Protein backbone atom coordinates (compact mmCIF):
# COMPACT_ATOMS: atom_id res chain seq x y z
CA MET A 1 18.47 11.18 6.64
CA ILE A 2 18.88 14.71 8.45
CA ALA A 3 15.01 14.53 8.38
CA LEU A 4 14.78 10.94 9.61
CA ILE A 5 17.53 12.00 12.53
CA GLY A 6 15.26 15.05 13.71
CA LEU A 7 11.93 13.14 13.47
CA ALA A 8 13.66 10.29 16.06
CA ILE A 9 15.29 13.21 18.57
CA GLY A 10 11.80 15.14 18.58
CA VAL A 11 9.94 12.13 19.26
CA ALA A 12 12.10 11.18 22.20
CA LEU A 13 12.29 14.08 23.71
CA GLY A 14 8.43 13.85 23.54
CA PHE A 15 8.70 10.75 25.40
CA VAL A 16 11.28 12.29 27.64
CA LEU A 17 9.76 15.73 28.09
CA GLU A 18 5.73 14.78 27.95
CA PRO A 19 5.03 18.39 27.28
CA ALA A 20 1.58 19.64 27.89
CA VAL A 21 -0.90 21.40 25.14
CA PRO A 22 -2.27 24.36 26.83
CA LEU A 23 -6.61 23.79 27.20
CA TRP A 24 -7.04 26.28 24.85
CA LEU A 25 -4.35 25.19 21.99
CA GLN A 26 -6.01 21.74 22.28
CA PRO A 27 -9.44 22.17 19.84
CA TYR A 28 -7.12 23.61 17.29
CA LEU A 29 -3.88 20.82 17.23
CA PRO A 30 -5.59 17.72 15.69
CA ILE A 31 -6.60 20.22 12.96
CA ALA A 32 -2.75 20.99 12.29
CA ILE A 33 -1.54 17.53 12.63
CA VAL A 34 -4.19 16.72 10.20
CA ALA A 35 -3.18 19.82 8.08
CA ALA A 36 0.55 18.91 8.22
CA LEU A 37 -0.10 15.61 7.09
CA ASP A 38 -1.45 16.17 4.19
CA ALA A 39 1.95 19.12 3.16
CA MET A 40 4.20 15.92 4.22
CA PHE A 41 2.71 13.18 2.14
CA GLY A 42 2.04 16.55 -0.77
CA GLY A 43 5.64 16.49 -0.52
CA VAL A 44 6.75 12.91 -1.12
CA ARG A 45 4.22 12.77 -3.74
CA ALA A 46 6.43 15.58 -5.54
CA ARG A 47 9.76 14.25 -4.92
CA LEU A 48 8.43 10.70 -6.26
CA GLU A 49 7.38 12.78 -9.53
CA GLY A 50 10.59 14.11 -9.65
CA VAL A 51 9.03 18.47 -9.08
CA PHE A 52 9.41 19.23 -5.38
CA ASP A 53 10.35 22.59 -4.35
CA GLU A 54 11.26 23.04 -0.66
CA LYS A 55 10.18 26.49 -0.79
CA VAL A 56 6.72 25.21 -1.64
CA PHE A 57 6.41 23.15 0.65
CA VAL A 58 7.21 25.02 3.24
CA VAL A 59 4.28 27.72 2.55
CA SER A 60 1.77 24.43 1.91
CA PHE A 61 2.89 23.05 5.71
CA VAL A 62 2.30 26.62 7.26
CA SER A 63 -0.31 27.90 5.48
CA ASN A 64 -2.08 24.90 5.28
CA THR A 65 -1.91 24.70 8.85
CA VAL A 66 -2.65 28.20 9.86
CA ILE A 67 -6.07 28.17 7.39
CA ALA A 68 -7.08 25.13 8.96
CA ALA A 69 -6.69 26.31 12.73
CA LEU A 70 -8.56 29.74 11.79
CA ILE A 71 -11.31 27.53 9.78
CA VAL A 72 -11.42 25.53 12.99
CA PHE A 73 -11.46 28.98 15.11
CA LEU A 74 -13.85 30.66 12.94
CA GLY A 75 -16.24 27.74 13.73
CA ASP A 76 -15.78 27.31 17.21
CA GLN A 77 -16.44 31.28 17.73
CA LEU A 78 -20.36 31.53 15.27
CA GLY A 79 -21.00 28.13 17.49
CA VAL A 80 -20.38 25.22 14.47
CA GLY A 81 -16.67 24.35 15.43
CA SER A 82 -17.40 20.17 14.78
CA GLN A 83 -19.08 20.87 11.84
CA LEU A 84 -15.90 23.23 10.88
CA SER A 85 -13.83 20.79 11.98
CA THR A 86 -15.06 18.09 10.21
CA GLY A 87 -15.73 19.62 7.08
CA VAL A 88 -11.73 19.74 7.11
CA VAL A 89 -10.78 16.79 7.89
CA VAL A 90 -12.84 15.47 5.60
CA VAL A 91 -11.62 17.95 2.80
CA LEU A 92 -7.86 17.18 3.71
CA GLY A 93 -8.45 13.45 4.46
CA ILE A 94 -9.53 13.47 0.80
CA ARG A 95 -6.38 15.33 -0.36
CA ILE A 96 -3.92 12.64 1.99
CA PHE A 97 -5.48 10.11 0.56
CA SER A 98 -5.12 11.06 -2.88
CA ASN A 99 -1.37 11.88 -2.60
CA ALA A 100 -1.05 8.12 -0.95
CA ALA A 101 -2.96 6.77 -4.22
CA ALA A 102 -0.41 8.53 -6.07
CA ILE A 103 2.86 7.69 -4.33
CA ARG A 104 1.33 4.00 -4.31
CA ARG A 105 1.05 4.37 -8.07
CA LYS A 106 4.24 5.74 -8.21
CA LEU A 107 6.51 3.53 -6.17
CA PHE A 108 4.44 0.09 -7.32
CA GLY A 109 2.53 0.97 -10.86
CA ALA A 110 -0.20 -0.69 -9.37
């Protein structure tokens, strides 16, 4: 419940304050969000399976986000940023859908 309240407060503050994303950060933000979604779906799956560990979740959340952003940064430095960004999104997308399927099976038995 505390997480949902925090989420609601964060969304409300975002609408009120309308923060601007710096130009240098804009290419990395979508990838970081997809990596964070991957960690979130993995955490929900682990919770439903009864193996959730807060420490593992936080480390997974931070490391997924940082590694994904570093891969995209490296791709930008090598001149293949869009290809590596696509690769990261595909891999994380597969993991997100895999976790979503496991969550669906656990919740609905289908």
